[in-house]
Protein backbone atom coordinates (compact mmCIF):
# COMPACT_ATOMS: atom_id res chain seq x y z
CA UNK A 1 20.86 -32.42 59.92
CA UNK A 2 24.33 -33.26 58.42
CA UNK A 3 26.37 -35.91 59.85
CA UNK A 4 29.90 -37.00 59.19
CA UNK A 5 30.43 -40.38 57.57
CA UNK A 6 33.05 -42.22 55.74
CA UNK A 7 32.95 -42.88 52.02
CA UNK A 8 34.64 -45.32 49.65
CA UNK A 9 35.60 -43.41 46.48
CA UNK A 10 37.31 -45.16 43.53
CA UNK A 11 38.61 -43.23 40.62
CA UNK A 12 38.89 -44.73 37.13
CA UNK A 13 40.05 -42.72 34.13
CA UNK A 14 39.59 -44.10 30.69
CA UNK A 15 41.23 -41.77 27.93
CA UNK A 16 42.33 -42.44 24.21
CA UNK A 17 41.31 -46.03 24.62
CA UNK A 18 43.64 -46.93 27.40
CA UNK A 19 42.61 -47.83 30.81
CA UNK A 20 44.67 -46.46 33.54
CA UNK A 21 45.42 -47.93 37.09
CA UNK A 22 42.73 -47.36 39.32
CA UNK A 23 43.32 -45.11 42.38
CA UNK A 24 41.34 -45.73 45.46
CA UNK A 25 40.75 -43.17 48.21
CA UNK A 26 39.07 -43.55 51.73
CA UNK A 27 38.00 -40.52 53.45
CA UNK A 28 35.09 -38.73 55.19
CA UNK A 29 32.58 -36.18 53.57
CA UNK A 30 34.36 -33.53 51.71
CA UNK A 31 35.95 -32.47 48.29
CA UNK A 32 37.07 -34.49 45.54
CA UNK A 33 39.10 -33.07 42.51
CA UNK A 34 39.75 -34.27 38.81
CA UNK A 35 40.25 -33.57 35.46
CA UNK A 36 37.49 -33.03 32.69
CA UNK A 37 39.13 -35.07 29.69
CA UNK A 38 37.76 -35.25 26.26
CA UNK A 39 36.59 -38.80 25.67
CA UNK A 40 37.61 -39.51 29.09
CA UNK A 41 35.63 -41.11 31.77
CA UNK A 42 35.87 -40.92 35.46
CA UNK A 43 33.93 -42.52 38.08
CA UNK A 44 33.42 -42.11 41.89
CA UNK A 45 31.87 -44.99 43.87
CA UNK A 46 30.17 -43.63 46.96
CA UNK A 47 28.60 -45.76 49.73
CA UNK A 48 26.42 -44.34 52.39
CA UNK A 49 26.86 -45.41 55.95
CA UNK A 50 23.14 -46.16 56.77
CA UNK A 51 19.83 -46.46 54.96
CA UNK A 52 17.41 -43.54 54.26
CA UNK A 53 20.15 -40.86 53.76
CA UNK A 54 20.00 -38.18 51.18
CA UNK A 55 23.04 -37.90 49.00
CA UNK A 56 23.93 -34.38 47.78
CA UNK A 57 26.89 -33.76 45.39
CA UNK A 58 27.82 -30.12 44.48
CA UNK A 59 29.66 -30.60 41.12
CA UNK A 60 31.43 -27.52 39.89
CA UNK A 61 33.57 -27.32 36.60
CA UNK A 62 36.40 -25.01 35.95
CA UNK A 63 37.12 -24.73 32.26
CA UNK A 64 40.60 -24.03 31.14
CA UNK A 65 39.98 -24.36 27.35
CA UNK A 66 38.81 -20.99 25.84
CA UNK A 67 37.08 -22.80 22.97
CA UNK A 68 34.80 -24.38 25.51
CA UNK A 69 33.76 -27.83 26.65
CA UNK A 70 31.14 -30.03 27.94
CA UNK A 71 30.80 -32.08 31.04
CA UNK A 72 28.46 -35.08 30.70
CA UNK A 73 27.45 -36.62 34.02
CA UNK A 74 25.31 -39.82 34.95
CA UNK A 75 24.40 -41.05 38.45
CA UNK A 76 23.91 -44.76 38.65
CA UNK A 77 23.22 -47.27 41.67
CA UNK A 78 25.90 -49.73 42.56
CA UNK A 79 24.94 -52.20 40.06
CA UNK A 80 25.22 -49.80 37.09
CA UNK A 81 21.47 -48.86 36.78
CA UNK A 82 21.00 -45.17 35.80
CA UNK A 83 19.32 -42.97 38.09
CA UNK A 84 19.76 -39.67 36.45
CA UNK A 85 21.96 -37.94 34.20
CA UNK A 86 22.48 -34.81 32.23
CA UNK A 87 25.37 -32.32 30.70
CA UNK A 88 26.62 -28.99 31.14
CA UNK A 89 28.38 -26.96 28.51
CA UNK A 90 31.01 -24.00 28.89
CA UNK A 91 29.91 -21.55 29.81
CA UNK A 92 28.74 -21.39 32.66
CA UNK A 93 30.97 -22.52 35.52
CA UNK A 94 27.90 -22.62 37.77
CA UNK A 95 27.82 -25.34 40.39
CA UNK A 96 25.38 -28.27 39.66
CA UNK A 97 23.51 -29.89 42.56
CA UNK A 98 22.91 -33.70 42.20
CA UNK A 99 20.58 -35.21 44.70
CA UNK A 100 19.22 -38.69 45.47
CA UNK A 101 17.57 -40.29 48.50
CA UNK A 102 18.10 -43.99 49.62
CA UNK A 103 14.98 -45.90 50.97
CA UNK A 104 14.43 -47.10 54.57
CA UNK A 105 15.15 -50.52 52.93
CA UNK A 106 18.61 -49.26 51.93
CA UNK A 107 18.26 -48.98 48.26
CA UNK A 108 20.57 -48.15 46.64
CA UNK A 109 23.29 -49.40 48.69
CA UNK A 110 25.92 -47.51 46.56
CA UNK A 111 26.14 -44.81 44.08
CA UNK A 112 28.62 -44.36 41.02
CA UNK A 113 28.94 -40.89 39.43
CA UNK A 114 30.42 -40.98 36.11
CA UNK A 115 31.94 -37.82 34.46
CA UNK A 116 33.11 -37.34 30.95
CA UNK A 117 34.52 -34.48 28.93
CA UNK A 118 33.40 -33.75 25.34
CA UNK A 119 33.45 -31.02 22.71
CA UNK A 120 37.21 -31.16 22.60
CA UNK A 121 39.62 -31.13 19.66
CA UNK A 122 41.38 -34.51 20.51
CA UNK A 123 40.94 -37.46 22.69
CA UNK A 124 42.75 -36.94 25.98
CA UNK A 125 42.50 -33.21 25.80
CA UNK A 126 42.09 -31.78 29.22
CA UNK A 127 39.20 -29.23 29.04
CA UNK A 128 39.38 -28.32 32.82
CA UNK A 129 38.96 -29.54 36.26
CA UNK A 130 35.93 -30.44 38.55
CA UNK A 131 35.28 -30.20 42.26
CA UNK A 132 32.70 -32.61 43.76
CA UNK A 133 31.64 -31.94 47.31
CA UNK A 134 29.98 -35.06 48.55
CA UNK A 135 27.72 -35.13 51.63
CA UNK A 136 24.88 -37.03 53.21
CA UNK A 137 22.34 -36.08 55.49
CA UNK A 138 20.04 -38.25 57.64
CA UNK A 139 16.25 -38.09 57.20
CA UNK A 140 14.05 -37.39 60.45
CA UNK A 141 10.68 -38.73 59.38
CA UNK A 142 8.33 -38.79 62.35
CA UNK A 143 11.15 -37.97 64.42
CA UNK A 144 12.63 -41.35 63.80
CA UNK A 145 16.27 -40.30 62.57
CA UNK A 146 15.57 -42.09 59.42
CA UNK A 147 13.24 -42.47 56.38
CA UNK A 148 9.51 -43.48 56.83
CA UNK A 149 9.09 -46.82 54.90
CA UNK A 150 7.20 -47.14 51.70
CA UNK A 151 4.70 -49.94 52.60
CA UNK A 152 1.72 -50.29 55.03
CA UNK A 153 3.37 -53.54 56.42
CA UNK A 154 6.50 -51.55 57.67
CA UNK A 155 4.52 -48.31 58.19
CA UNK A 156 6.31 -45.94 60.72
CA UNK A 157 4.36 -45.72 64.05
CA UNK A 158 4.12 -41.95 65.16
CA UNK A 159 5.25 -41.60 68.88
CA UNK A 160 1.93 -40.50 70.22
CA UNK A 161 1.13 -41.83 73.72
CA UNK A 162 -1.48 -39.57 75.25
CA UNK A 163 -3.70 -36.71 74.54
CA UNK A 164 -1.93 -33.52 73.50
CA UNK A 165 -0.42 -31.85 70.50
CA UNK A 166 2.77 -33.34 68.71
CA UNK A 167 4.85 -31.69 66.07
CA UNK A 168 6.98 -33.53 63.32
CA UNK A 169 8.74 -30.85 61.32
CA UNK A 170 11.55 -32.47 59.31
CA UNK A 171 9.82 -34.94 57.19
CA UNK A 172 11.13 -35.27 53.78
CA UNK A 173 9.92 -36.89 50.60
CA UNK A 174 11.49 -36.82 47.14
CA UNK A 175 10.50 -38.17 43.81
CA UNK A 176 14.37 -38.86 43.33
CA UNK A 177 14.62 -42.27 45.34
CA UNK A 178 12.22 -41.73 48.11
CA UNK A 179 8.66 -41.04 46.61
CA UNK A 180 6.67 -42.50 49.25
CA UNK A 181 6.25 -42.11 53.16
CA UNK A 182 3.96 -44.23 55.12
CA UNK A 183 2.79 -43.48 58.69
CA UNK A 184 0.71 -45.39 61.19
CA UNK A 185 -1.27 -43.72 63.94
CA UNK A 186 -2.96 -45.19 67.17
CA UNK A 187 -5.57 -43.48 69.25
CA UNK A 188 -7.72 -44.62 72.14
CA UNK A 189 -11.53 -45.04 71.88
CA UNK A 190 -13.50 -41.89 72.51
CA UNK A 191 -10.61 -39.79 71.25
CA UNK A 192 -10.44 -37.53 68.26
CA UNK A 193 -7.52 -37.00 65.99
CA UNK A 194 -6.67 -33.92 64.13
CA UNK A 195 -4.10 -34.04 61.63
CA UNK A 196 -2.35 -31.21 59.50
CA UNK A 197 0.12 -31.88 56.65
CA UNK A 198 1.99 -28.61 56.03
CA UNK A 199 4.43 -27.99 53.02
CA UNK A 200 7.52 -26.26 54.31
CA UNK A 201 10.04 -26.18 51.45
CA UNK A 202 9.63 -27.25 47.96
CA UNK A 203 12.36 -27.86 45.59
CA UNK A 204 11.22 -28.73 41.84
CA UNK A 205 13.51 -29.86 39.06
CA UNK A 206 11.15 -29.48 36.24
CA UNK A 207 7.50 -30.11 35.16
CA UNK A 208 4.47 -30.38 37.29
CA UNK A 209 4.62 -31.81 40.85
CA UNK A 210 2.32 -32.54 43.45
CA UNK A 211 2.12 -34.35 46.90
CA UNK A 212 -0.71 -36.91 46.85
CA UNK A 213 -2.10 -37.53 50.50
CA UNK A 214 -4.26 -40.63 51.38
CA UNK A 215 -5.61 -41.33 54.86
CA UNK A 216 -6.83 -44.87 55.53
CA UNK A 217 -8.36 -46.96 58.40
CA UNK A 218 -6.91 -50.25 59.75
CA UNK A 219 -8.36 -52.25 56.78
CA UNK A 220 -6.74 -49.81 54.45
CA UNK A 221 -10.10 -48.42 53.18
CA UNK A 222 -9.59 -44.68 52.12
CA UNK A 223 -11.22 -42.11 54.60
CA UNK A 224 -9.97 -39.00 52.88
CA UNK A 225 -7.67 -38.18 49.97
CA UNK A 226 -6.29 -35.09 48.33
CA UNK A 227 -3.52 -33.29 46.51
CA UNK A 228 -1.21 -30.45 47.48
CA UNK A 229 0.43 -29.17 43.97
CA UNK A 230 3.58 -27.21 43.89
CA UNK A 231 4.16 -24.52 45.22
CA UNK A 232 1.21 -25.05 47.61
CA UNK A 233 2.11 -23.97 51.20
CA UNK A 234 -1.36 -24.07 52.95
CA UNK A 235 -1.91 -27.16 54.98
CA UNK A 236 -4.14 -30.21 54.34
CA UNK A 237 -6.20 -31.00 57.20
CA UNK A 238 -7.80 -34.47 58.31
CA UNK A 239 -10.05 -35.09 61.49
CA UNK A 240 -11.33 -38.39 62.66
CA UNK A 241 -13.11 -39.67 65.95
CA UNK A 242 -12.50 -43.20 67.17
CA UNK A 243 -15.79 -44.25 69.09
CA UNK A 244 -16.18 -46.66 71.87
CA UNK A 245 -18.16 -49.52 70.74
CA UNK A 246 -20.39 -50.81 73.58
CA UNK A 247 -17.87 -52.09 76.19
CA UNK A 248 -15.04 -52.93 73.76
CA UNK A 249 -11.92 -50.75 74.04
CA UNK A 250 -10.82 -51.14 70.36
CA UNK A 251 -7.63 -49.02 69.66
CA UNK A 252 -8.09 -46.84 66.54
CA UNK A 253 -5.36 -47.60 63.92
CA UNK A 254 -5.01 -45.30 60.90
CA UNK A 255 -2.61 -45.01 58.17
CA UNK A 256 -1.19 -41.86 56.38
CA UNK A 257 0.29 -42.44 53.01
CA UNK A 258 2.15 -39.62 51.08
CA UNK A 259 3.32 -39.87 47.42
CA UNK A 260 5.39 -37.35 45.40
CA UNK A 261 4.33 -36.90 41.77
CA UNK A 262 6.62 -35.30 39.45
CA UNK A 263 10.18 -34.50 39.83
CA UNK A 264 10.38 -32.66 43.23
CA UNK A 265 11.20 -33.02 46.71
CA UNK A 266 9.41 -31.45 49.96
CA UNK A 267 10.30 -30.98 53.54
CA UNK A 268 6.97 -31.05 55.37
CA UNK A 269 5.53 -30.82 58.80
CA UNK A 270 3.13 -33.03 60.61
CA UNK A 271 1.01 -31.54 63.34
CA UNK A 272 -0.96 -34.09 65.40
CA UNK A 273 -3.63 -33.25 67.99
CA UNK A 274 -5.19 -35.86 70.16
CA UNK A 275 -8.07 -35.03 72.56
CA UNK A 276 -10.79 -36.62 74.59
CA UNK A 277 -14.12 -36.83 72.85
CA UNK A 278 -15.23 -35.17 69.75
């Protein structure tokens, strides 16, 4: 799933009340190293290459001050709006995984990771170093090589062209930036549709989490709904028949909307079977 891209990384260090000259680096996915400075702030500006990508930053501190220290971090969008944040105190030196997903509409268009050292003895004290491993991976919702949109108007049409069984096993949804996926399915008159939504890999940050499922007709009337709570791994199943009305051959159009509730992400599979008759 991982794909090499180019990132724009801007480093600014603010320490002891003085702003140092900004350093700019241009490179591909990889590592970035810097210092953890008491009352010093550093910012990494990261630009994804295309919409619908998932940002992953593995942030690892290496503390040098035996009295300890604290790393305060915040992930913002390109306009400075806070997305998430937290802190980590010494010990441990365990790496921290920061993740966020951009939408199919390309929001956010950029990220800024801000880091600051704390719990030192004086302003400008170097408490340690950090390593940030930055990577992006492309979503593959409905085998589209991207993210399923979040609205019915732009719903992703699943590539189903005839009777048979279709598997889409790399769909991704996350409360962190990508909380909703909307698909559209078409079947011919006198055909039946069987649909399974299968949780494959949950990841939860805290609290309760669940996947909310709604299946709707062309007029957006709900035909079936349900919930798969974390860590449920059994499939949610839907079945519908598109009748032939008199001599009219009206194509059946259905919508599937998935919503993530709570701080969690999920890789899920879709299995679609289309056959003649009931």
